[in-house]
Amino acid sequence: MKAPIKILYVLALVFLLGACHYQCDCLPQTEWLVFGRYHGKCVGDCAHFYKLTPNALFKDDIERFQIAENVSFVTAPMPESKFQKARVLLTEFPYALLGEDADTFGCPDCADQGGYYLELRREGKTYRWRIDTREEGLPSYLVAYTRRMNTVLEHLH
């Protein structure tokens, strides 16, 4: 009688692990996610960006963010523990953003409050967004995601 229960237990475990893998199915289609926070009027290192790929995390090598310029990154990946903390931003990315016409939400850094930056490369196309750090007027899915992003940034910085 114990053998059939063990078999059922193993099958249930395989099913659950398979379901977890399915939840992360977006990873192969996404080449990278750049995320970070910037401040226009500050002295020193005023931009903190990270490039998250399905396999590694890279830190920026810039001090200031210019909208028209590409963000550059160091070539050595960050430690695996940092990658694991950041990975949630890729798996929980709000894909509703891809359907938005706007690329700017709120008024990022208009009142020296800083702004968030997102850049997603997926299926050969690059998407970019600038997001206000003030939550008023942001879509609820974006409020939740920027809160998560802020938590990750605090762990990484």
C-alpha atoms as a PDB file:
ATOM      1  CA  MET A   1       0.000   0.000   0.000  1.00  0.00           C
ATOM      2  CA  LYS A   2       2.910   2.356   0.695  1.00  0.00           C
ATOM      3  CA  ALA A   3       4.355   1.988  -2.824  1.00  0.00           C
ATOM      4  CA  PRO A   4       1.294   3.549  -4.577  1.00  0.00           C
ATOM      5  CA  ILE A   5       1.343   6.450  -2.109  1.00  0.00           C
ATOM      6  CA  LYS A   6       5.022   7.064  -2.824  1.00  0.00           C
ATOM      7  CA  ILE A   7       4.333   6.973  -6.550  1.00  0.00           C
ATOM      8  CA  LEU A   8       1.517   9.489  -6.139  1.00  0.00           C
ATOM      9  CA  TYR A   9       3.770  11.669  -4.005  1.00  0.00           C
ATOM     10  CA  VAL A  10       6.534  11.622  -6.653  1.00  0.00           C
ATOM     11  CA  LEU A  11       4.053  12.366  -9.454  1.00  0.00           C
ATOM     12  CA  ALA A  12       2.602  15.280  -7.481  1.00  0.00           C
ATOM     13  CA  LEU A  13       6.106  16.637  -6.867  1.00  0.00           C
ATOM     14  CA  VAL A  14       7.013  16.357 -10.567  1.00  0.00           C
ATOM     15  CA  PHE A  15       3.766  18.112 -11.490  1.00  0.00           C
ATOM     16  CA  LEU A  16       4.397  20.965  -9.046  1.00  0.00           C
ATOM     17  CA  LEU A  17       7.978  21.454 -10.207  1.00  0.00           C
ATOM     18  CA  GLY A  18       6.797  21.461 -13.792  1.00  0.00           C
ATOM     19  CA  ALA A  19       4.197  24.112 -12.956  1.00  0.00           C
ATOM     20  CA  CYS A  20       6.888  26.296 -11.357  1.00  0.00           C
ATOM     21  CA  HIS A  21       8.982  26.030 -14.502  1.00  0.00           C
ATOM     22  CA  TYR A  22       6.007  27.024 -16.640  1.00  0.00           C
ATOM     23  CA  GLN A  23       5.565  30.180 -14.562  1.00  0.00           C
ATOM     24  CA  CYS A  24       9.054  31.314 -15.698  1.00  0.00           C
ATOM     25  CA  ASP A  25       8.367  30.543 -19.365  1.00  0.00           C
ATOM     26  CA  CYS A  26       8.890  34.228 -20.269  1.00  0.00           C
ATOM     27  CA  LEU A  27      12.648  33.987 -19.655  1.00  0.00           C
ATOM     28  CA  PRO A  28      13.737  32.472 -22.997  1.00  0.00           C
ATOM     29  CA  GLN A  29      11.863  35.186 -24.916  1.00  0.00           C
ATOM     30  CA  THR A  30      13.479  38.004 -22.925  1.00  0.00           C
ATOM     31  CA  GLU A  31      17.073  38.883 -23.753  1.00  0.00           C
ATOM     32  CA  TRP A  32      17.469  41.406 -20.932  1.00  0.00           C
ATOM     33  CA  LEU A  33      15.805  43.791 -18.538  1.00  0.00           C
ATOM     34  CA  VAL A  34      17.557  47.014 -17.560  1.00  0.00           C
ATOM     35  CA  PHE A  35      16.152  48.556 -14.401  1.00  0.00           C
ATOM     36  CA  GLY A  36      17.225  51.326 -12.098  1.00  0.00           C
ATOM     37  CA  ARG A  37      16.755  54.687 -10.487  1.00  0.00           C
ATOM     38  CA  TYR A  38      18.252  58.047 -11.432  1.00  0.00           C
ATOM     39  CA  HIS A  39      18.399  61.632 -10.167  1.00  0.00           C
ATOM     40  CA  GLY A  40      19.147  64.525 -12.511  1.00  0.00           C
ATOM     41  CA  LYS A  41      20.196  67.145 -10.003  1.00  0.00           C
ATOM     42  CA  CYS A  42      22.692  65.517  -7.694  1.00  0.00           C
ATOM     43  CA  VAL A  43      26.436  65.246  -7.223  1.00  0.00           C
ATOM     44  CA  GLY A  44      28.359  61.988  -7.550  1.00  0.00           C
ATOM     45  CA  ASP A  45      26.902  58.661  -8.615  1.00  0.00           C
ATOM     46  CA  CYS A  46      23.351  59.715  -9.501  1.00  0.00           C
ATOM     47  CA  ALA A  47      22.273  56.668 -11.481  1.00  0.00           C
ATOM     48  CA  HIS A  48      22.019  53.063 -10.353  1.00  0.00           C
ATOM     49  CA  PHE A  49      21.153  50.658 -13.141  1.00  0.00           C
ATOM     50  CA  TYR A  50      21.382  46.909 -13.541  1.00  0.00           C
ATOM     51  CA  LYS A  51      21.106  44.656 -16.568  1.00  0.00           C
ATOM     52  CA  LEU A  52      19.340  41.408 -15.834  1.00  0.00           C
ATOM     53  CA  THR A  53      19.573  38.563 -18.309  1.00  0.00           C
ATOM     54  CA  PRO A  54      18.032  35.120 -17.822  1.00  0.00           C
ATOM     55  CA  ASN A  55      21.441  33.941 -16.524  1.00  0.00           C
ATOM     56  CA  ALA A  56      23.285  36.889 -14.948  1.00  0.00           C
ATOM     57  CA  LEU A  57      23.129  40.379 -13.447  1.00  0.00           C
ATOM     58  CA  PHE A  58      25.439  43.265 -14.400  1.00  0.00           C
ATOM     59  CA  LYS A  59      25.972  46.648 -12.711  1.00  0.00           C
ATOM     60  CA  ASP A  60      26.185  49.900 -14.658  1.00  0.00           C
ATOM     61  CA  ASP A  61      29.435  51.782 -15.078  1.00  0.00           C
ATOM     62  CA  ILE A  62      27.905  55.264 -15.350  1.00  0.00           C
ATOM     63  CA  GLU A  63      27.398  58.049 -12.825  1.00  0.00           C
ATOM     64  CA  ARG A  64      24.773  60.100 -14.644  1.00  0.00           C
ATOM     65  CA  PHE A  65      21.812  59.105 -16.792  1.00  0.00           C
ATOM     66  CA  GLN A  66      21.175  60.841 -20.089  1.00  0.00           C
ATOM     67  CA  ILE A  67      17.925  59.828 -21.752  1.00  0.00           C
ATOM     68  CA  ALA A  68      19.344  59.829 -25.282  1.00  0.00           C
ATOM     69  CA  GLU A  69      22.337  57.638 -24.366  1.00  0.00           C
ATOM     70  CA  ASN A  70      22.547  53.906 -23.879  1.00  0.00           C
ATOM     71  CA  VAL A  71      23.452  52.694 -20.421  1.00  0.00           C
ATOM     72  CA  SER A  72      26.743  50.784 -20.309  1.00  0.00           C
ATOM     73  CA  PHE A  73      27.559  47.954 -17.926  1.00  0.00           C
ATOM     74  CA  VAL A  74      30.638  46.255 -16.529  1.00  0.00           C
ATOM     75  CA  THR A  75      31.437  42.964 -18.233  1.00  0.00           C
ATOM     76  CA  ALA A  76      31.834  40.859 -15.079  1.00  0.00           C
ATOM     77  CA  PRO A  77      28.539  39.576 -13.685  1.00  0.00           C
ATOM     78  CA  MET A  78      27.532  40.280 -10.112  1.00  0.00           C
ATOM     79  CA  PRO A  79      27.469  37.428  -7.550  1.00  0.00           C
ATOM     80  CA  GLU A  80      24.827  34.709  -7.917  1.00  0.00           C
ATOM     81  CA  SER A  81      23.144  35.821  -4.674  1.00  0.00           C
ATOM     82  CA  LYS A  82      22.497  39.288  -6.163  1.00  0.00           C
ATOM     83  CA  PHE A  83      21.217  37.722  -9.389  1.00  0.00           C
ATOM     84  CA  GLN A  84      18.762  35.586  -7.423  1.00  0.00           C
ATOM     85  CA  LYS A  85      17.409  38.676  -5.606  1.00  0.00           C
ATOM     86  CA  ALA A  86      16.952  40.574  -8.871  1.00  0.00           C
ATOM     87  CA  ARG A  87      15.508  37.689 -10.891  1.00  0.00           C
ATOM     88  CA  VAL A  88      12.042  38.349  -9.508  1.00  0.00           C
ATOM     89  CA  LEU A  89      11.905  41.541 -11.601  1.00  0.00           C
ATOM     90  CA  LEU A  90      12.123  39.458 -14.744  1.00  0.00           C
ATOM     91  CA  THR A  91       9.680  36.775 -13.693  1.00  0.00           C
ATOM     92  CA  GLU A  92       7.168  39.320 -12.338  1.00  0.00           C
ATOM     93  CA  PHE A  93       7.582  41.883 -15.107  1.00  0.00           C
ATOM     94  CA  PRO A  94       4.222  43.568 -15.835  1.00  0.00           C
ATOM     95  CA  TYR A  95       3.786  42.629 -19.465  1.00  0.00           C
ATOM     96  CA  ALA A  96       0.804  45.005 -19.620  1.00  0.00           C
ATOM     97  CA  LEU A  97       3.474  47.671 -20.162  1.00  0.00           C
ATOM     98  CA  LEU A  98       4.090  46.256 -23.638  1.00  0.00           C
ATOM     99  CA  GLY A  99       0.557  47.267 -24.608  1.00  0.00           C
ATOM    100  CA  GLU A 100       0.859  50.844 -23.327  1.00  0.00           C
ATOM    101  CA  ASP A 101       1.199  53.690 -25.815  1.00  0.00           C
ATOM    102  CA  ALA A 102       3.081  55.853 -23.317  1.00  0.00           C
ATOM    103  CA  ASP A 103       6.779  55.479 -22.587  1.00  0.00           C
ATOM    104  CA  THR A 104       6.697  57.970 -19.699  1.00  0.00           C
ATOM    105  CA  PHE A 105       4.491  57.614 -16.630  1.00  0.00           C
ATOM    106  CA  GLY A 106       4.014  60.616 -14.383  1.00  0.00           C
ATOM    107  CA  CYS A 107       6.731  63.243 -14.452  1.00  0.00           C
ATOM    108  CA  PRO A 108       9.987  61.455 -13.588  1.00  0.00           C
ATOM    109  CA  ASP A 109      12.517  63.718 -11.860  1.00  0.00           C
ATOM    110  CA  CYS A 110      10.540  66.891 -12.649  1.00  0.00           C
ATOM    111  CA  ALA A 111      10.655  67.992  -9.002  1.00  0.00           C
ATOM    112  CA  ASP A 112      14.054  66.471  -8.175  1.00  0.00           C
ATOM    113  CA  GLN A 113      12.352  63.332  -6.831  1.00  0.00           C
ATOM    114  CA  GLY A 114      14.195  61.039  -9.227  1.00  0.00           C
ATOM    115  CA  GLY A 115      12.798  58.508 -11.620  1.00  0.00           C
ATOM    116  CA  TYR A 116      12.806  54.829 -12.476  1.00  0.00           C
ATOM    117  CA  TYR A 117      14.015  53.487 -15.791  1.00  0.00           C
ATOM    118  CA  LEU A 118      13.061  50.208 -17.440  1.00  0.00           C
ATOM    119  CA  GLU A 119      14.328  48.765 -20.686  1.00  0.00           C
ATOM    120  CA  LEU A 120      13.186  45.391 -21.928  1.00  0.00           C
ATOM    121  CA  ARG A 121      14.635  43.537 -24.891  1.00  0.00           C
ATOM    122  CA  ARG A 122      12.218  40.840 -25.922  1.00  0.00           C
ATOM    123  CA  GLU A 123      11.736  38.947 -29.170  1.00  0.00           C
ATOM    124  CA  GLY A 124      14.162  41.253 -31.000  1.00  0.00           C
ATOM    125  CA  LYS A 125      12.478  44.510 -29.944  1.00  0.00           C
ATOM    126  CA  THR A 126      13.623  46.998 -27.296  1.00  0.00           C
ATOM    127  CA  TYR A 127      11.083  48.822 -25.120  1.00  0.00           C
ATOM    128  CA  ARG A 128      11.974  51.758 -22.837  1.00  0.00           C
ATOM    129  CA  TRP A 129      10.028  53.486 -20.071  1.00  0.00           C
ATOM    130  CA  ARG A 130      10.647  56.278 -17.577  1.00  0.00           C
ATOM    131  CA  ILE A 131       8.477  56.163 -14.466  1.00  0.00           C
ATOM    132  CA  ASP A 132       7.854  58.720 -11.748  1.00  0.00           C
ATOM    133  CA  THR A 133       8.853  57.762  -8.216  1.00  0.00           C
ATOM    134  CA  ARG A 134       5.627  59.364  -6.988  1.00  0.00           C
ATOM    135  CA  GLU A 135       2.849  56.781  -7.168  1.00  0.00           C
ATOM    136  CA  GLU A 136      -0.094  59.137  -7.695  1.00  0.00           C
ATOM    137  CA  GLY A 137      -1.550  58.601 -11.152  1.00  0.00           C
ATOM    138  CA  LEU A 138       0.434  55.454 -11.953  1.00  0.00           C
ATOM    139  CA  PRO A 139      -1.475  52.316 -12.984  1.00  0.00           C
ATOM    140  CA  SER A 140      -1.847  49.937 -10.030  1.00  0.00           C
ATOM    141  CA  TYR A 141       0.224  47.201 -11.716  1.00  0.00           C
ATOM    142  CA  LEU A 142       3.049  49.714 -12.105  1.00  0.00           C
ATOM    143  CA  VAL A 143       2.840  50.846  -8.477  1.00  0.00           C
ATOM    144  CA  ALA A 144       3.247  47.250  -7.342  1.00  0.00           C
ATOM    145  CA  TYR A 145       6.160  46.653  -9.709  1.00  0.00           C
ATOM    146  CA  THR A 146       8.041  49.857  -8.843  1.00  0.00           C
ATOM    147  CA  ARG A 147       7.699  48.992  -5.151  1.00  0.00           C
ATOM    148  CA  ARG A 148       9.194  45.573  -5.862  1.00  0.00           C
ATOM    149  CA  MET A 149      11.918  47.178  -7.979  1.00  0.00           C
ATOM    150  CA  ASN A 150      12.751  49.649  -5.208  1.00  0.00           C
ATOM    151  CA  THR A 151      13.125  46.780  -2.727  1.00  0.00           C
ATOM    152  CA  VAL A 152      15.466  44.946  -5.110  1.00  0.00           C
ATOM    153  CA  LEU A 153      17.486  48.125  -5.716  1.00  0.00           C
ATOM    154  CA  GLU A 154      17.935  48.582  -1.968  1.00  0.00           C
ATOM    155  CA  HIS A 155      19.305  45.020  -1.715  1.00  0.00           C
ATOM    156  CA  LEU A 156      21.668  45.506  -4.645  1.00  0.00           C
ATOM    157  CA  HIS A 157      23.074  48.941  -3.871  1.00  0.00           C
END
